[in-house]
Amino acid sequence: MQISLLTTTDRRCTVAMLAVVAAMALPAPGMAGGVTGEATEFTQLANNAELVSLVGKSAEQVNNQVTQINQLAEQIQNQLKIYENMLQNTAQLPDHVWGQVESDLNRLQSIVGQGQGIAFSMGNIDDQLKQRFESYAEMKSNLPTNASFSTTYQSWSDTNRDTIAGTLKAANLTAEQFSSEESTMSSLRSMSESADGQMKALQVGHEIAAQQVAQLEKLRGLVSQQMTMMGTWYQSEQAGKDLAQARREKFFNAEVKSIPEGQKMEPRW
């Protein structure tokens, strides 16, 4: 199961939520297709406040989506376990039941792709804000060893990919067999021909679903932490601007005292 490959639906979903960033983002290595033409570029935004507002809203939507797909991964994990128990009590799962298994495993593949797309896009937000705002680049987070969110998301992505590849390898399967919906369906059809093949598919799917539940929880934590840091940064920026504006207003609106008639103007030391 190749986790850097997104379906068109997954990619559009991620792009829609991260409209501020996607138009400027290059596709990640191995990611099919592009995302240009579907988002608002930084240069089109009226001001920095608008930019930060849009990024904040997108990040909140992403956080909600991570929660939703994590819940879906849990449902698939539980459902695959039910199928495993059914298979232990029968010679082979009926075709109509196996069709449900295939549907669940395809949904699981989609979840993996969405998680990878979210990590890529959120890391891109971090990079773009650093390039545009010096004050953002100077913000310190609570990440270990002063790592950036961009590198942390990449590390999460690599770990997730390696974990899934290891699970497939342990079952004598390859990532190529699950690299796309077409090849996944082909592999599942072959495995459905025997009870052993069905059990292997169920066990692998259950293990990957369990991994995704844990990994998506970590991803949600990263997104929440990034949102907190962005909020802190924006409040700090806004507080500085408000203070400067208050000082300007105080200066220009200060009462001008008139000079008494007949008083000689001269420097006073």
C-alpha atoms as a PDB file:
ATOM      1  CA  MET A   1       0.000   0.000   0.000  1.00  0.00           C
ATOM      2  CA  GLN A   2       1.738   3.138  -1.245  1.00  0.00           C
ATOM      3  CA  ILE A   3       0.804   5.923   1.090  1.00  0.00           C
ATOM      4  CA  SER A   4       2.115   8.822  -0.987  1.00  0.00           C
ATOM      5  CA  LEU A   5      -0.429   8.120  -3.727  1.00  0.00           C
ATOM      6  CA  LEU A   6      -3.744   9.986  -3.460  1.00  0.00           C
ATOM      7  CA  THR A   7      -6.914   9.434  -5.452  1.00  0.00           C
ATOM      8  CA  THR A   8      -8.442  12.406  -7.246  1.00  0.00           C
ATOM      9  CA  THR A   9     -11.200  12.669  -4.638  1.00  0.00           C
ATOM     10  CA  ASP A  10      -8.743  12.624  -1.726  1.00  0.00           C
ATOM     11  CA  ARG A  11      -6.538  15.239  -3.332  1.00  0.00           C
ATOM     12  CA  ARG A  12      -9.437  17.581  -4.067  1.00  0.00           C
ATOM     13  CA  CYS A  13     -10.695  17.210  -0.501  1.00  0.00           C
ATOM     14  CA  THR A  14      -7.301  18.150   0.911  1.00  0.00           C
ATOM     15  CA  VAL A  15      -6.859  21.026  -1.539  1.00  0.00           C
ATOM     16  CA  ALA A  16     -10.284  22.438  -0.722  1.00  0.00           C
ATOM     17  CA  MET A  17      -9.457  22.581   2.965  1.00  0.00           C
ATOM     18  CA  LEU A  18      -6.008  24.060   2.392  1.00  0.00           C
ATOM     19  CA  ALA A  19      -6.904  26.558  -0.308  1.00  0.00           C
ATOM     20  CA  VAL A  20      -4.424  29.129   0.941  1.00  0.00           C
ATOM     21  CA  VAL A  21      -1.436  26.894   0.376  1.00  0.00           C
ATOM     22  CA  ALA A  22      -2.197  24.442  -2.370  1.00  0.00           C
ATOM     23  CA  ALA A  23      -1.752  26.713  -5.390  1.00  0.00           C
ATOM     24  CA  MET A  24       1.847  27.394  -4.419  1.00  0.00           C
ATOM     25  CA  ALA A  25       2.645  23.831  -3.427  1.00  0.00           C
ATOM     26  CA  LEU A  26       4.504  21.421  -5.667  1.00  0.00           C
ATOM     27  CA  PRO A  27       3.228  17.844  -5.586  1.00  0.00           C
ATOM     28  CA  ALA A  28       5.112  15.604  -3.216  1.00  0.00           C
ATOM     29  CA  PRO A  29       7.402  12.959  -4.776  1.00  0.00           C
ATOM     30  CA  GLY A  30       5.265  10.045  -5.865  1.00  0.00           C
ATOM     31  CA  MET A  31       1.997  11.991  -5.542  1.00  0.00           C
ATOM     32  CA  ALA A  32      -0.142  11.694  -8.629  1.00  0.00           C
ATOM     33  CA  GLY A  33      -1.369  14.841 -10.351  1.00  0.00           C
ATOM     34  CA  GLY A  34      -1.133  18.464  -9.288  1.00  0.00           C
ATOM     35  CA  VAL A  35      -3.099  20.955  -7.282  1.00  0.00           C
ATOM     36  CA  THR A  36      -2.692  24.185  -9.226  1.00  0.00           C
ATOM     37  CA  GLY A  37      -5.677  26.237 -10.249  1.00  0.00           C
ATOM     38  CA  GLU A  38      -7.805  25.207  -7.269  1.00  0.00           C
ATOM     39  CA  ALA A  39      -6.651  27.637  -4.621  1.00  0.00           C
ATOM     40  CA  THR A  40      -6.007  31.265  -3.736  1.00  0.00           C
ATOM     41  CA  GLU A  41      -2.380  32.307  -4.050  1.00  0.00           C
ATOM     42  CA  PHE A  42      -0.691  34.304  -1.327  1.00  0.00           C
ATOM     43  CA  THR A  43      -0.133  37.176  -3.753  1.00  0.00           C
ATOM     44  CA  GLN A  44      -3.880  37.513  -4.325  1.00  0.00           C
ATOM     45  CA  LEU A  45      -4.678  38.059  -0.668  1.00  0.00           C
ATOM     46  CA  ALA A  46      -5.425  41.633   0.342  1.00  0.00           C
ATOM     47  CA  ASN A  47      -3.355  41.705   3.495  1.00  0.00           C
ATOM     48  CA  ASN A  48      -1.581  39.603   6.067  1.00  0.00           C
ATOM     49  CA  ALA A  49      -4.603  39.466   8.361  1.00  0.00           C
ATOM     50  CA  GLU A  50      -6.644  37.875   5.571  1.00  0.00           C
ATOM     51  CA  LEU A  51      -3.885  35.352   4.952  1.00  0.00           C
ATOM     52  CA  VAL A  52      -3.645  34.340   8.591  1.00  0.00           C
ATOM     53  CA  SER A  53      -7.420  34.151   8.889  1.00  0.00           C
ATOM     54  CA  LEU A  54      -7.697  31.785   5.931  1.00  0.00           C
ATOM     55  CA  VAL A  55      -4.810  29.634   7.130  1.00  0.00           C
ATOM     56  CA  GLY A  56      -6.375  29.401  10.580  1.00  0.00           C
ATOM     57  CA  LYS A  57      -9.750  28.352   9.178  1.00  0.00           C
ATOM     58  CA  SER A  58      -8.105  25.777   6.921  1.00  0.00           C
ATOM     59  CA  ALA A  59      -6.112  24.338   9.813  1.00  0.00           C
ATOM     60  CA  GLU A  60      -9.280  24.027  11.891  1.00  0.00           C
ATOM     61  CA  GLN A  61     -11.006  22.189   9.052  1.00  0.00           C
ATOM     62  CA  VAL A  62      -8.010  19.893   8.707  1.00  0.00           C
ATOM     63  CA  ASN A  63      -8.109  19.113  12.414  1.00  0.00           C
ATOM     64  CA  ASN A  64     -11.756  18.138  12.076  1.00  0.00           C
ATOM     65  CA  GLN A  65     -11.019  15.951   9.060  1.00  0.00           C
ATOM     66  CA  VAL A  66      -8.218  14.121  10.867  1.00  0.00           C
ATOM     67  CA  THR A  67     -10.672  13.371  13.659  1.00  0.00           C
ATOM     68  CA  GLN A  68     -13.235  12.055  11.179  1.00  0.00           C
ATOM     69  CA  ILE A  69     -10.879   9.776   9.254  1.00  0.00           C
ATOM     70  CA  ASN A  70      -9.432   8.514  12.530  1.00  0.00           C
ATOM     71  CA  GLN A  71     -12.913   7.491  13.611  1.00  0.00           C
ATOM     72  CA  LEU A  72     -13.436   5.822  10.237  1.00  0.00           C
ATOM     73  CA  ALA A  73     -10.167   3.899  10.664  1.00  0.00           C
ATOM     74  CA  GLU A  74     -11.416   2.632  14.022  1.00  0.00           C
ATOM     75  CA  GLN A  75     -14.673   1.487  12.433  1.00  0.00           C
ATOM     76  CA  ILE A  76     -12.806  -0.365   9.682  1.00  0.00           C
ATOM     77  CA  GLN A  77     -10.494  -1.946  12.248  1.00  0.00           C
ATOM     78  CA  ASN A  78     -13.456  -3.268  14.218  1.00  0.00           C
ATOM     79  CA  GLN A  79     -15.290  -4.445  11.104  1.00  0.00           C
ATOM     80  CA  LEU A  80     -12.279  -6.372   9.784  1.00  0.00           C
ATOM     81  CA  LYS A  81     -11.999  -8.119  13.140  1.00  0.00           C
ATOM     82  CA  ILE A  82     -15.622  -9.210  12.781  1.00  0.00           C
ATOM     83  CA  TYR A  83     -14.825 -10.638   9.344  1.00  0.00           C
ATOM     84  CA  GLU A  84     -11.851 -12.511  10.819  1.00  0.00           C
ATOM     85  CA  ASN A  85     -14.105 -14.113  13.429  1.00  0.00           C
ATOM     86  CA  MET A  86     -16.615 -15.040  10.722  1.00  0.00           C
ATOM     87  CA  LEU A  87     -13.910 -16.682   8.627  1.00  0.00           C
ATOM     88  CA  GLN A  88     -12.761 -18.802  11.571  1.00  0.00           C
ATOM     89  CA  ASN A  89     -16.236 -20.329  11.693  1.00  0.00           C
ATOM     90  CA  THR A  90     -16.649 -20.987   7.982  1.00  0.00           C
ATOM     91  CA  ALA A  91     -14.626 -22.467   5.138  1.00  0.00           C
ATOM     92  CA  GLN A  92     -14.606 -19.237   3.157  1.00  0.00           C
ATOM     93  CA  LEU A  93     -16.407 -15.914   3.223  1.00  0.00           C
ATOM     94  CA  PRO A  94     -19.312 -15.681   0.771  1.00  0.00           C
ATOM     95  CA  ASP A  95     -18.902 -13.395  -2.235  1.00  0.00           C
ATOM     96  CA  HIS A  96     -21.266 -10.747  -0.906  1.00  0.00           C
ATOM     97  CA  VAL A  97     -19.355 -10.590   2.394  1.00  0.00           C
ATOM     98  CA  TRP A  98     -15.995 -10.501   0.631  1.00  0.00           C
ATOM     99  CA  GLY A  99     -17.308  -7.585  -1.407  1.00  0.00           C
ATOM    100  CA  GLN A 100     -17.750  -5.682   1.856  1.00  0.00           C
ATOM    101  CA  VAL A 101     -14.194  -6.606   2.851  1.00  0.00           C
ATOM    102  CA  GLU A 102     -12.851  -5.211  -0.415  1.00  0.00           C
ATOM    103  CA  SER A 103     -14.837  -2.017   0.112  1.00  0.00           C
ATOM    104  CA  ASP A 104     -13.450  -1.583   3.626  1.00  0.00           C
ATOM    105  CA  LEU A 105      -9.875  -2.212   2.510  1.00  0.00           C
ATOM    106  CA  ASN A 106     -10.234   0.302  -0.306  1.00  0.00           C
ATOM    107  CA  ARG A 107     -11.577   2.840   2.169  1.00  0.00           C
ATOM    108  CA  LEU A 108      -8.581   2.105   4.375  1.00  0.00           C
ATOM    109  CA  GLN A 109      -6.257   2.811   1.460  1.00  0.00           C
ATOM    110  CA  SER A 110      -8.058   6.113   0.944  1.00  0.00           C
ATOM    111  CA  ILE A 111      -7.604   7.004   4.633  1.00  0.00           C
ATOM    112  CA  VAL A 112      -3.878   6.383   4.375  1.00  0.00           C
ATOM    113  CA  GLY A 113      -3.696   8.659   1.343  1.00  0.00           C
ATOM    114  CA  GLN A 114      -5.664  11.423   3.048  1.00  0.00           C
ATOM    115  CA  GLY A 115      -3.381  11.309   6.068  1.00  0.00           C
ATOM    116  CA  GLN A 116      -0.329  11.646   3.843  1.00  0.00           C
ATOM    117  CA  GLY A 117      -1.906  14.548   1.960  1.00  0.00           C
ATOM    118  CA  ILE A 118      -2.750  16.381   5.178  1.00  0.00           C
ATOM    119  CA  ALA A 119       0.784  15.989   6.522  1.00  0.00           C
ATOM    120  CA  PHE A 120       2.230  17.298   3.255  1.00  0.00           C
ATOM    121  CA  SER A 121      -0.090  20.308   3.134  1.00  0.00           C
ATOM    122  CA  MET A 122       0.317  21.282   6.794  1.00  0.00           C
ATOM    123  CA  GLY A 123       4.093  21.070   6.445  1.00  0.00           C
ATOM    124  CA  ASN A 124       3.760  23.325   3.422  1.00  0.00           C
ATOM    125  CA  ILE A 125       1.855  25.898   5.471  1.00  0.00           C
ATOM    126  CA  ASP A 126       4.758  25.986   7.910  1.00  0.00           C
ATOM    127  CA  ASP A 127       7.289  26.512   5.108  1.00  0.00           C
ATOM    128  CA  GLN A 128       5.270  29.230   3.370  1.00  0.00           C
ATOM    129  CA  LEU A 129       4.587  31.223   6.529  1.00  0.00           C
ATOM    130  CA  LYS A 130       8.274  31.102   7.423  1.00  0.00           C
ATOM    131  CA  GLN A 131       9.172  32.492   4.023  1.00  0.00           C
ATOM    132  CA  ARG A 132       6.686  35.332   4.270  1.00  0.00           C
ATOM    133  CA  PHE A 133       6.828  36.334   7.926  1.00  0.00           C
ATOM    134  CA  GLU A 134      10.087  36.769   9.783  1.00  0.00           C
ATOM    135  CA  SER A 135       8.249  36.879  13.089  1.00  0.00           C
ATOM    136  CA  TYR A 136       6.677  33.474  12.347  1.00  0.00           C
ATOM    137  CA  ALA A 137      10.065  31.990  11.476  1.00  0.00           C
ATOM    138  CA  GLU A 138      11.387  33.176  14.833  1.00  0.00           C
ATOM    139  CA  MET A 139       8.545  31.575  16.789  1.00  0.00           C
ATOM    140  CA  LYS A 140       9.684  28.694  18.983  1.00  0.00           C
ATOM    141  CA  SER A 141       7.494  25.632  19.313  1.00  0.00           C
ATOM    142  CA  ASN A 142       7.507  22.856  21.865  1.00  0.00           C
ATOM    143  CA  LEU A 143       8.720  20.322  19.329  1.00  0.00           C
ATOM    144  CA  PRO A 144      11.748  18.268  20.408  1.00  0.00           C
ATOM    145  CA  THR A 145      15.251  19.427  19.418  1.00  0.00           C
ATOM    146  CA  ASN A 146      13.795  22.651  17.986  1.00  0.00           C
ATOM    147  CA  ALA A 147      12.472  20.776  14.961  1.00  0.00           C
ATOM    148  CA  SER A 148      10.125  22.572  12.578  1.00  0.00           C
ATOM    149  CA  PHE A 149       6.617  21.430  11.863  1.00  0.00           C
ATOM    150  CA  SER A 150       7.633  20.864   8.264  1.00  0.00           C
ATOM    151  CA  THR A 151      10.343  18.344   9.167  1.00  0.00           C
ATOM    152  CA  THR A 152       8.153  16.760  11.841  1.00  0.00           C
ATOM    153  CA  TYR A 153       5.337  16.143   9.357  1.00  0.00           C
ATOM    154  CA  GLN A 154       7.856  14.628   6.944  1.00  0.00           C
ATOM    155  CA  SER A 155       9.136  12.359   9.701  1.00  0.00           C
ATOM    156  CA  TRP A 156       5.559  11.313  10.496  1.00  0.00           C
ATOM    157  CA  SER A 157       4.942  10.564   6.833  1.00  0.00           C
ATOM    158  CA  ASP A 158       8.109   8.484   6.483  1.00  0.00           C
ATOM    159  CA  THR A 159       7.349   6.518   9.637  1.00  0.00           C
ATOM    160  CA  ASN A 160       3.796   5.832   8.505  1.00  0.00           C
ATOM    161  CA  ARG A 161       4.977   4.654   5.093  1.00  0.00           C
ATOM    162  CA  ASP A 162       7.701   2.408   6.537  1.00  0.00           C
ATOM    163  CA  THR A 163       5.343   0.895   9.109  1.00  0.00           C
ATOM    164  CA  ILE A 164       2.813  -0.082   6.466  1.00  0.00           C
ATOM    165  CA  ALA A 165       5.513  -1.439   4.170  1.00  0.00           C
ATOM    166  CA  GLY A 166       6.831  -3.549   7.047  1.00  0.00           C
ATOM    167  CA  THR A 167       3.373  -4.956   7.737  1.00  0.00           C
ATOM    168  CA  LEU A 168       2.927  -5.915   4.089  1.00  0.00           C
ATOM    169  CA  LYS A 169       6.387  -7.454   3.904  1.00  0.00           C
ATOM    170  CA  ALA A 170       5.734  -9.572   7.009  1.00  0.00           C
ATOM    171  CA  ALA A 171       2.757 -11.068   5.167  1.00  0.00           C
ATOM    172  CA  ASN A 172       4.869 -11.680   2.037  1.00  0.00           C
ATOM    173  CA  LEU A 173       3.095  -8.853   0.253  1.00  0.00           C
ATOM    174  CA  THR A 174       4.585  -5.834  -1.485  1.00  0.00           C
ATOM    175  CA  ALA A 175       3.655  -2.178  -1.495  1.00  0.00           C
ATOM    176  CA  GLU A 176       3.273  -2.393  -5.266  1.00  0.00           C
ATOM    177  CA  GLN A 177       0.380  -4.807  -4.846  1.00  0.00           C
ATOM    178  CA  PHE A 178      -1.470  -2.074  -2.959  1.00  0.00           C
ATOM    179  CA  SER A 179      -0.121   0.961  -4.793  1.00  0.00           C
ATOM    180  CA  SER A 180      -3.389   1.887  -6.497  1.00  0.00           C
ATOM    181  CA  GLU A 181      -7.063   1.011  -6.376  1.00  0.00           C
ATOM    182  CA  GLU A 182      -6.718  -1.142  -9.510  1.00  0.00           C
ATOM    183  CA  SER A 183      -3.771  -3.185  -8.241  1.00  0.00           C
ATOM    184  CA  THR A 184      -5.369  -3.451  -4.798  1.00  0.00           C
ATOM    185  CA  MET A 185      -8.545  -4.900  -6.289  1.00  0.00           C
ATOM    186  CA  SER A 186      -6.496  -7.310  -8.391  1.00  0.00           C
ATOM    187  CA  SER A 187      -4.587  -8.504  -5.313  1.00  0.00           C
ATOM    188  CA  LEU A 188      -7.780  -8.881  -3.280  1.00  0.00           C
ATOM    189  CA  ARG A 189      -9.457 -10.907  -6.030  1.00  0.00           C
ATOM    190  CA  SER A 190      -6.520 -13.301  -6.035  1.00  0.00           C
ATOM    191  CA  MET A 191      -6.557 -13.596  -2.250  1.00  0.00           C
ATOM    192  CA  SER A 192     -10.303 -14.216  -2.171  1.00  0.00           C
ATOM    193  CA  GLU A 193      -9.864 -17.546  -3.969  1.00  0.00           C
ATOM    194  CA  SER A 194      -8.851 -19.331  -0.760  1.00  0.00           C
ATOM    195  CA  ALA A 195      -9.623 -19.125   2.938  1.00  0.00           C
ATOM    196  CA  ASP A 196      -5.928 -18.648   3.691  1.00  0.00           C
ATOM    197  CA  GLY A 197      -5.746 -15.741   1.259  1.00  0.00           C
ATOM    198  CA  GLN A 198      -8.834 -14.143   2.745  1.00  0.00           C
ATOM    199  CA  MET A 199      -7.473 -14.490   6.257  1.00  0.00           C
ATOM    200  CA  LYS A 200      -4.157 -12.955   5.234  1.00  0.00           C
ATOM    201  CA  ALA A 201      -5.913  -9.968   3.678  1.00  0.00           C
ATOM    202  CA  LEU A 202      -8.070  -9.485   6.760  1.00  0.00           C
ATOM    203  CA  GLN A 203      -5.133  -9.726   9.148  1.00  0.00           C
ATOM    204  CA  VAL A 204      -3.027  -7.301   7.130  1.00  0.00           C
ATOM    205  CA  GLY A 205      -5.938  -4.885   6.814  1.00  0.00           C
ATOM    206  CA  HIS A 206      -6.693  -5.076  10.524  1.00  0.00           C
ATOM    207  CA  GLU A 207      -3.034  -4.410  11.402  1.00  0.00           C
ATOM    208  CA  ILE A 208      -2.807  -1.437   9.044  1.00  0.00           C
ATOM    209  CA  ALA A 209      -6.094  -0.038  10.357  1.00  0.00           C
ATOM    210  CA  ALA A 210      -4.766  -0.289  13.919  1.00  0.00           C
ATOM    211  CA  GLN A 211      -1.586   1.486  12.850  1.00  0.00           C
ATOM    212  CA  GLN A 212      -3.579   4.255  11.227  1.00  0.00           C
ATOM    213  CA  VAL A 213      -5.645   4.821  14.349  1.00  0.00           C
ATOM    214  CA  ALA A 214      -2.437   5.382  16.315  1.00  0.00           C
ATOM    215  CA  GLN A 215      -0.713   7.406  13.589  1.00  0.00           C
ATOM    216  CA  LEU A 216      -3.696   9.648  12.910  1.00  0.00           C
ATOM    217  CA  GLU A 217      -3.916  10.414  16.621  1.00  0.00           C
ATOM    218  CA  LYS A 218      -0.302  11.605  16.438  1.00  0.00           C
ATOM    219  CA  LEU A 219      -1.105  13.612  13.306  1.00  0.00           C
ATOM    220  CA  ARG A 220      -4.059  15.251  15.034  1.00  0.00           C
ATOM    221  CA  GLY A 221      -1.778  16.198  17.916  1.00  0.00           C
ATOM    222  CA  LEU A 222       0.671  17.811  15.498  1.00  0.00           C
ATOM    223  CA  VAL A 223      -2.077  19.774  13.746  1.00  0.00           C
ATOM    224  CA  SER A 224      -3.469  20.993  17.079  1.00  0.00           C
ATOM    225  CA  GLN A 225      -0.013  22.026  18.254  1.00  0.00           C
ATOM    226  CA  GLN A 226       0.621  23.885  15.007  1.00  0.00           C
ATOM    227  CA  MET A 227      -2.729  25.658  15.291  1.00  0.00           C
ATOM    228  CA  THR A 228      -1.879  26.737  18.846  1.00  0.00           C
ATOM    229  CA  MET A 229       1.477  28.129  17.729  1.00  0.00           C
ATOM    230  CA  MET A 230      -0.065  29.977  14.792  1.00  0.00           C
ATOM    231  CA  GLY A 231      -2.686  31.455  17.097  1.00  0.00           C
ATOM    232  CA  THR A 232      -0.016  32.607  19.557  1.00  0.00           C
ATOM    233  CA  TRP A 233       2.011  34.148  16.753  1.00  0.00           C
ATOM    234  CA  TYR A 234      -0.974  35.989  15.283  1.00  0.00           C
ATOM    235  CA  GLN A 235      -2.068  37.339  18.661  1.00  0.00           C
ATOM    236  CA  SER A 236       1.469  38.593  19.268  1.00  0.00           C
ATOM    237  CA  GLU A 237       1.569  40.263  15.848  1.00  0.00           C
ATOM    238  CA  GLN A 238      -1.852  41.840  16.351  1.00  0.00           C
ATOM    239  CA  ALA A 239      -0.991  43.074  19.842  1.00  0.00           C
ATOM    240  CA  GLY A 240       2.081  44.840  18.457  1.00  0.00           C
ATOM    241  CA  LYS A 241       0.055  46.465  15.690  1.00  0.00           C
ATOM    242  CA  ASP A 242      -2.663  47.562  18.107  1.00  0.00           C
ATOM    243  CA  LEU A 243      -0.083  49.139  20.408  1.00  0.00           C
ATOM    244  CA  ALA A 244       1.570  50.997  17.528  1.00  0.00           C
ATOM    245  CA  GLN A 245      -1.817  52.247  16.312  1.00  0.00           C
ATOM    246  CA  ALA A 246      -2.756  53.437  19.801  1.00  0.00           C
ATOM    247  CA  ARG A 247       0.493  55.378  20.075  1.00  0.00           C
ATOM    248  CA  ARG A 248      -0.056  57.011  16.677  1.00  0.00           C
ATOM    249  CA  GLU A 249      -3.570  58.037  17.596  1.00  0.00           C
ATOM    250  CA  LYS A 250      -2.390  59.433  20.928  1.00  0.00           C
ATOM    251  CA  PHE A 251       0.345  61.427  19.209  1.00  0.00           C
ATOM    252  CA  PHE A 252      -1.806  62.927  16.457  1.00  0.00           C
ATOM    253  CA  ASN A 253      -4.813  63.528  18.679  1.00  0.00           C
ATOM    254  CA  ALA A 254      -2.850  65.137  21.480  1.00  0.00           C
ATOM    255  CA  GLU A 255      -4.141  68.494  22.659  1.00  0.00           C
ATOM    256  CA  VAL A 256      -2.241  71.395  21.117  1.00  0.00           C
ATOM    257  CA  LYS A 257      -1.683  74.112  23.726  1.00  0.00           C
ATOM    258  CA  SER A 258      -1.847  77.654  22.374  1.00  0.00           C
ATOM    259  CA  ILE A 259       0.903  80.138  23.122  1.00  0.00           C
ATOM    260  CA  PRO A 260      -0.288  83.022  25.350  1.00  0.00           C
ATOM    261  CA  GLU A 261      -0.468  86.323  23.551  1.00  0.00           C
ATOM    262  CA  GLY A 262       2.696  88.376  23.942  1.00  0.00           C
ATOM    263  CA  GLN A 263       4.791  85.443  25.149  1.00  0.00           C
ATOM    264  CA  LYS A 264       8.177  85.331  23.520  1.00  0.00           C
ATOM    265  CA  MET A 265       9.122  82.045  21.942  1.00  0.00           C
ATOM    266  CA  GLU A 266      12.610  81.014  22.908  1.00  0.00           C
ATOM    267  CA  PRO A 267      14.360  77.732  23.541  1.00  0.00           C
ATOM    268  CA  ARG A 268      14.268  76.481  27.087  1.00  0.00           C
ATOM    269  CA  TRP A 269      17.024  74.225  28.356  1.00  0.00           C
END
